[in-house]
């Protein structure tokens, strides 16, 4: 009986440490018995609540939304629940009230999701009182915080190198808002690939936001140059969609006259006209990485403090 209880405990708390066939038998029995974990009893016994706090600035754009979902999914896989707090500024009183909210609910640690610098200092303040991991889809912030994220510089380099390999030589970039880590990283990768190929890196327009409308407007700036680009790397798929529409209205065929590559691989990218070549982000893996760093830290385990994941190129017809 003791062995059986230990096995069930391991399945609930450290499933990766249990053999697959054993874990599946235990999980099947729990479903048949309609077993539900008593979180209050667990907290009393272990002083652990199984609750992870998530701090976000509430951006509804594709990347931040997917990362928020990835954290929730990764936590659920490990037997944890999440509590979300949207923080739109990093004033000391806001940070303090957020921390008090989470601590009063007994969270075991915090994941701070931020694509912009505003919450980095706030994360450092929070880290003084509880384990914190920053999940940032871009550049690595300075300091001692544990950080998980996606290497957008590498993803942009993949996209740009693909255009170079296709024989394109006048490769423009429509960036996202440069206040975002995501946009900064993608500009870095685009420039690195062009410089490695000995190509001009001056053709760049900054979109005002991450929408198709902003991509459409940015094409006006690119087309004002003496020579039209023969390729455009857009900082996300919606910007690419707007750029393709703007080029079409000018009688420019994509991809015959101008190739276009996006970023994100949003749902429906394969049904753009033409189907969009883009860069897919490993959102699910990023959520898992952030949670793993957090749990390692909460358990005082010596582990990695930086995890940045590589995106992949999805080649279609644009």
Protein backbone atom coordinates (compact mmCIF):
# COMPACT_ATOMS: atom_id res chain seq x y z
CA UNK A 1 0.00 0.00 0.00
CA UNK A 2 2.83 2.37 0.85
CA UNK A 3 4.48 1.65 -2.50
CA UNK A 4 1.20 2.24 -4.32
CA UNK A 5 0.66 5.57 -2.55
CA UNK A 6 4.22 6.63 -3.43
CA UNK A 7 3.66 5.70 -7.08
CA UNK A 8 0.43 7.71 -7.26
CA UNK A 9 2.20 10.64 -5.58
CA UNK A 10 4.99 10.54 -8.15
CA UNK A 11 2.49 10.44 -11.03
CA UNK A 12 0.78 13.53 -9.62
CA UNK A 13 3.88 15.50 -8.70
CA UNK A 14 6.80 14.24 -10.83
CA UNK A 15 5.20 12.39 -13.79
CA UNK A 16 8.42 12.42 -15.82
CA UNK A 17 10.06 10.23 -13.16
CA UNK A 18 7.51 7.41 -13.63
CA UNK A 19 7.67 4.78 -16.35
CA UNK A 20 5.20 5.50 -19.16
CA UNK A 21 3.23 2.26 -18.79
CA UNK A 22 2.95 2.70 -15.02
CA UNK A 23 1.89 6.33 -15.35
CA UNK A 24 -0.77 5.43 -17.92
CA UNK A 25 -2.21 2.72 -15.62
CA UNK A 26 -2.39 5.12 -12.69
CA UNK A 27 -3.97 7.87 -14.79
CA UNK A 28 -6.52 5.40 -16.19
CA UNK A 29 -7.46 4.28 -12.66
CA UNK A 30 -7.84 7.91 -11.53
CA UNK A 31 -10.18 8.60 -14.44
CA UNK A 32 -12.26 5.52 -13.68
CA UNK A 33 -12.50 6.48 -9.99
CA UNK A 34 -13.10 10.15 -10.91
CA UNK A 35 -10.23 11.11 -8.63
CA UNK A 36 -9.67 14.84 -8.06
CA UNK A 37 -6.70 16.24 -6.18
CA UNK A 38 -7.66 18.09 -2.99
CA UNK A 39 -5.56 21.22 -3.35
CA UNK A 40 -6.40 22.52 0.14
CA UNK A 41 -5.30 19.29 1.81
CA UNK A 42 -2.16 19.26 -0.30
CA UNK A 43 -1.32 22.83 0.68
CA UNK A 44 -1.80 22.07 4.39
CA UNK A 45 0.45 19.04 4.21
CA UNK A 46 3.18 20.32 1.92
CA UNK A 47 2.78 24.10 2.24
CA UNK A 48 2.52 24.11 -1.53
CA UNK A 49 -0.55 25.40 -3.34
CA UNK A 50 0.23 24.29 -6.87
CA UNK A 51 -0.49 27.85 -8.05
CA UNK A 52 1.72 29.83 -10.43
CA UNK A 53 1.27 33.57 -10.88
CA UNK A 54 1.48 35.09 -14.36
CA UNK A 55 2.13 38.81 -14.77
CA UNK A 56 1.32 40.25 -18.19
CA UNK A 57 0.84 43.66 -19.74
CA UNK A 58 -2.31 42.41 -21.42
CA UNK A 59 -1.27 42.73 -25.04
CA UNK A 60 -3.78 40.97 -27.31
CA UNK A 61 -1.32 40.54 -30.19
CA UNK A 62 -0.70 37.03 -31.50
CA UNK A 63 2.70 36.40 -29.87
CA UNK A 64 1.87 37.49 -26.29
CA UNK A 65 -1.49 35.70 -26.45
CA UNK A 66 0.10 32.44 -27.58
CA UNK A 67 2.78 32.68 -24.89
CA UNK A 68 0.16 33.24 -22.18
CA UNK A 69 -1.70 30.15 -23.38
CA UNK A 70 1.55 28.18 -23.51
CA UNK A 71 2.30 28.96 -19.86
CA UNK A 72 -1.17 27.84 -18.81
CA UNK A 73 -0.85 24.63 -20.81
CA UNK A 74 2.61 23.85 -19.46
CA UNK A 75 1.45 24.45 -15.89
CA UNK A 76 -1.54 22.16 -16.34
CA UNK A 77 0.72 19.41 -17.71
CA UNK A 78 2.78 19.60 -14.50
CA UNK A 79 -0.26 19.65 -12.21
CA UNK A 80 -0.26 23.38 -11.51
CA UNK A 81 -2.88 26.08 -11.99
CA UNK A 82 -2.22 29.68 -13.04
CA UNK A 83 -3.51 33.03 -11.82
CA UNK A 84 -3.19 35.99 -14.21
CA UNK A 85 -2.67 39.64 -13.30
CA UNK A 86 -2.54 42.31 -16.01
CA UNK A 87 -0.11 45.10 -15.15
CA UNK A 88 -0.09 48.01 -17.57
CA UNK A 89 2.56 50.05 -15.79
CA UNK A 90 5.59 49.40 -13.60
CA UNK A 91 5.04 52.00 -10.89
CA UNK A 92 6.19 50.80 -7.44
CA UNK A 93 2.67 50.86 -6.02
CA UNK A 94 1.36 48.76 -8.90
CA UNK A 95 4.14 46.22 -8.52
CA UNK A 96 3.64 46.04 -4.75
CA UNK A 97 -0.12 45.52 -5.05
CA UNK A 98 0.43 42.82 -7.67
CA UNK A 99 2.92 41.04 -5.44
CA UNK A 100 0.60 41.26 -2.43
CA UNK A 101 -2.23 39.81 -4.51
CA UNK A 102 -0.17 36.81 -5.53
CA UNK A 103 1.43 36.21 -2.14
CA UNK A 104 -1.98 36.33 -0.47
CA UNK A 105 -3.05 33.52 -2.79
CA UNK A 106 0.04 31.45 -1.94
CA UNK A 107 1.63 31.32 -5.39
CA UNK A 108 4.82 29.26 -5.62
CA UNK A 109 6.44 31.61 -8.10
CA UNK A 110 5.80 34.15 -10.85
CA UNK A 111 6.29 34.17 -14.61
CA UNK A 112 6.48 37.70 -15.97
CA UNK A 113 5.50 37.89 -19.63
CA UNK A 114 6.73 41.08 -21.29
CA UNK A 115 7.64 41.97 -24.89
CA UNK A 116 8.75 45.49 -23.84
CA UNK A 117 11.24 46.79 -21.23
CA UNK A 118 8.67 48.27 -18.83
CA UNK A 119 8.18 45.14 -16.71
CA UNK A 120 11.84 44.07 -16.49
CA UNK A 121 12.58 46.36 -13.54
CA UNK A 122 9.29 45.31 -11.98
CA UNK A 123 10.31 41.66 -12.34
CA UNK A 124 13.55 42.39 -10.49
CA UNK A 125 11.53 43.92 -7.63
CA UNK A 126 9.26 40.88 -7.48
CA UNK A 127 12.23 38.50 -7.55
CA UNK A 128 13.42 39.85 -4.19
CA UNK A 129 10.47 38.13 -2.50
CA UNK A 130 9.52 35.10 -4.61
CA UNK A 131 10.96 32.98 -7.47
CA UNK A 132 10.52 34.81 -10.79
CA UNK A 133 11.17 33.90 -14.43
CA UNK A 134 10.82 36.41 -17.26
CA UNK A 135 9.35 35.07 -20.49
CA UNK A 136 10.33 37.55 -23.15
CA UNK A 137 10.02 36.81 -26.83
CA UNK A 138 13.06 38.74 -27.83
CA UNK A 139 16.29 40.14 -26.56
CA UNK A 140 17.80 38.89 -23.33
CA UNK A 141 17.39 41.49 -20.57
CA UNK A 142 20.34 42.29 -18.36
CA UNK A 143 20.61 41.29 -14.74
CA UNK A 144 20.34 38.11 -12.71
CA UNK A 145 16.78 37.13 -13.60
CA UNK A 146 16.11 33.73 -15.06
CA UNK A 147 14.88 34.20 -18.59
CA UNK A 148 13.15 32.01 -21.15
CA UNK A 149 12.30 33.14 -24.63
CA UNK A 150 12.49 32.71 -28.36
CA UNK A 151 15.53 33.73 -30.38
CA UNK A 152 13.99 36.16 -32.85
CA UNK A 153 17.36 37.24 -34.18
CA UNK A 154 17.95 33.66 -35.32
CA UNK A 155 14.44 33.41 -36.79
CA UNK A 156 14.86 36.61 -38.78
CA UNK A 157 18.23 35.43 -40.04
CA UNK A 158 16.59 32.21 -41.28
CA UNK A 159 13.94 34.19 -43.15
CA UNK A 160 16.40 36.61 -44.72
CA UNK A 161 18.90 33.91 -45.67
CA UNK A 162 16.08 32.06 -47.43
CA UNK A 163 15.40 35.16 -49.54
CA UNK A 164 19.10 35.48 -50.33
CA UNK A 165 19.18 31.83 -51.39
CA UNK A 166 16.24 32.53 -53.69
CA UNK A 167 18.40 35.06 -55.54
CA UNK A 168 16.88 38.21 -54.01
CA UNK A 169 19.31 41.08 -53.53
CA UNK A 170 17.24 44.15 -52.55
CA UNK A 171 15.69 42.76 -49.37
CA UNK A 172 13.65 45.25 -47.36
CA UNK A 173 12.35 44.81 -43.83
CA UNK A 174 9.12 46.08 -42.32
CA UNK A 175 9.78 45.98 -38.60
CA UNK A 176 7.27 45.95 -35.80
CA UNK A 177 7.26 48.80 -33.25
CA UNK A 178 10.86 49.15 -32.12
CA UNK A 179 9.88 49.47 -28.47
CA UNK A 180 9.30 45.68 -28.56
CA UNK A 181 12.11 43.18 -27.92
CA UNK A 182 10.59 41.06 -30.69
CA UNK A 183 11.03 43.79 -33.30
CA UNK A 184 14.57 44.61 -32.17
CA UNK A 185 15.66 40.97 -32.42
CA UNK A 186 14.18 40.55 -35.89
CA UNK A 187 15.94 43.66 -37.16
CA UNK A 188 19.23 42.29 -35.80
CA UNK A 189 18.81 38.97 -37.60
CA UNK A 190 17.77 40.61 -40.87
CA UNK A 191 20.82 42.88 -40.81
CA UNK A 192 23.19 40.06 -39.87
CA UNK A 193 22.05 37.93 -42.82
CA UNK A 194 22.34 40.82 -45.27
CA UNK A 195 25.79 41.84 -44.08
CA UNK A 196 26.97 38.22 -44.32
CA UNK A 197 25.80 38.18 -47.95
CA UNK A 198 27.38 41.57 -48.69
CA UNK A 199 23.98 43.21 -49.28
CA UNK A 200 22.56 46.63 -48.44
CA UNK A 201 20.69 46.84 -45.12
CA UNK A 202 19.23 50.34 -45.50
CA UNK A 203 15.78 49.34 -46.83
CA UNK A 204 13.68 49.36 -43.66
CA UNK A 205 10.33 50.80 -42.62
CA UNK A 206 8.92 50.66 -39.10
CA UNK A 207 5.26 49.67 -38.81
CA UNK A 208 3.33 51.62 -36.19
CA UNK A 209 1.80 48.44 -34.77
CA UNK A 210 1.49 44.73 -35.65
CA UNK A 211 -1.57 45.01 -37.92
CA UNK A 212 -2.16 44.46 -41.65
CA UNK A 213 -3.06 48.16 -41.91
CA UNK A 214 0.40 49.09 -40.60
CA UNK A 215 2.05 46.75 -43.11
CA UNK A 216 0.01 48.31 -45.92
CA UNK A 217 1.11 51.81 -44.90
CA UNK A 218 4.78 50.80 -44.56
CA UNK A 219 4.90 49.72 -48.21
CA UNK A 220 4.33 53.37 -49.18
CA UNK A 221 7.64 54.26 -47.54
CA UNK A 222 9.50 51.39 -49.20
CA UNK A 223 8.08 52.22 -52.63
CA UNK A 224 9.17 55.85 -52.29
CA UNK A 225 12.76 54.75 -52.91
CA UNK A 226 14.24 54.96 -56.40
CA UNK A 227 14.33 51.20 -56.80
CA UNK A 228 11.61 48.80 -55.63
CA UNK A 229 12.79 46.03 -53.29
CA UNK A 230 12.76 42.56 -54.80
CA UNK A 231 11.88 41.01 -51.41
CA UNK A 232 10.24 42.03 -48.15
CA UNK A 233 10.76 40.37 -44.79
CA UNK A 234 7.83 41.41 -42.61
CA UNK A 235 8.09 41.32 -38.82
CA UNK A 236 4.83 39.38 -38.49
CA UNK A 237 2.28 37.68 -40.74
CA UNK A 238 -0.35 40.42 -40.46
CA UNK A 239 2.17 43.04 -41.55
CA UNK A 240 3.05 40.71 -44.45
CA UNK A 241 -0.63 40.44 -45.37
CA UNK A 242 -0.95 44.21 -45.56
CA UNK A 243 2.27 44.48 -47.57
CA UNK A 244 1.07 41.89 -50.11
CA UNK A 245 -2.18 43.81 -50.57
CA UNK A 246 -0.38 47.14 -51.02
CA UNK A 247 1.99 45.64 -53.59
CA UNK A 248 -0.89 44.05 -55.50
CA UNK A 249 -2.66 47.42 -55.77
CA UNK A 250 0.53 48.78 -57.36
CA UNK A 251 0.52 46.00 -59.94
CA UNK A 252 3.41 44.19 -58.27
CA UNK A 253 3.11 40.41 -58.37
CA UNK A 254 4.07 38.36 -55.29
CA UNK A 255 6.30 36.38 -55.56
CA UNK A 256 7.26 36.97 -59.22
CA UNK A 257 8.30 40.62 -58.75
CA UNK A 258 8.70 40.78 -54.97
CA UNK A 259 9.02 37.86 -52.55
CA UNK A 260 7.44 38.26 -49.11
CA UNK A 261 8.26 36.34 -45.91
CA UNK A 262 6.33 36.79 -42.68
CA UNK A 263 6.85 35.77 -39.05
CA UNK A 264 4.68 33.81 -36.56
CA UNK A 265 2.91 31.25 -38.82
CA UNK A 266 -0.52 32.39 -37.65
CA UNK A 267 -3.56 30.22 -38.20
CA UNK A 268 -4.55 30.67 -41.84
CA UNK A 269 -1.09 31.69 -43.12
CA UNK A 270 -1.20 28.74 -45.51
CA UNK A 271 -4.38 30.23 -47.03
CA UNK A 272 -3.03 33.71 -47.77
CA UNK A 273 -2.77 34.53 -51.46
CA UNK A 274 -0.14 33.38 -52.16
CA UNK A 275 0.35 30.95 -49.24
CA UNK A 276 2.78 32.69 -46.92
CA UNK A 277 6.33 31.60 -46.29
CA UNK A 278 6.94 32.46 -42.65
CA UNK A 279 8.80 31.69 -39.42
CA UNK A 280 7.04 29.52 -36.83
CA UNK A 281 7.66 30.21 -33.16
CA UNK A 282 7.93 27.36 -30.60
CA UNK A 283 5.33 28.84 -28.25
CA UNK A 284 4.49 25.62 -26.41
CA UNK A 285 8.15 24.80 -25.78
CA UNK A 286 8.73 28.36 -24.51
CA UNK A 287 5.96 27.97 -21.94
CA UNK A 288 7.44 24.67 -20.78
CA UNK A 289 10.93 26.19 -20.55
CA UNK A 290 9.71 29.10 -18.43
CA UNK A 291 7.85 26.80 -16.06
CA UNK A 292 10.83 24.44 -15.74
CA UNK A 293 13.15 27.33 -14.88
CA UNK A 294 10.65 28.56 -12.31
CA UNK A 295 10.19 25.18 -10.62
CA UNK A 296 13.95 24.59 -10.57
CA UNK A 297 14.40 27.94 -8.88
CA UNK A 298 11.58 27.33 -6.39
CA UNK A 299 13.21 24.05 -5.41
CA UNK A 300 16.64 25.74 -5.08
CA UNK A 301 18.08 23.48 -7.77
CA UNK A 302 21.14 24.59 -9.67
CA UNK A 303 19.97 24.91 -13.22
CA UNK A 304 20.21 26.98 -16.34
CA UNK A 305 19.30 30.64 -16.04
CA UNK A 306 18.82 31.38 -19.74
CA UNK A 307 16.86 29.30 -22.24
CA UNK A 308 16.29 30.68 -25.75
CA UNK A 309 14.55 28.49 -28.31
CA UNK A 310 15.07 28.42 -32.06
CA UNK A 311 12.18 29.21 -34.45
CA UNK A 312 11.86 27.31 -37.75
CA UNK A 313 11.25 28.42 -41.32
CA UNK A 314 8.02 27.27 -43.00
CA UNK A 315 8.44 27.50 -46.78
CA UNK A 316 5.33 28.03 -48.88
CA UNK A 317 4.80 30.05 -52.06
CA UNK A 318 5.18 33.76 -51.30
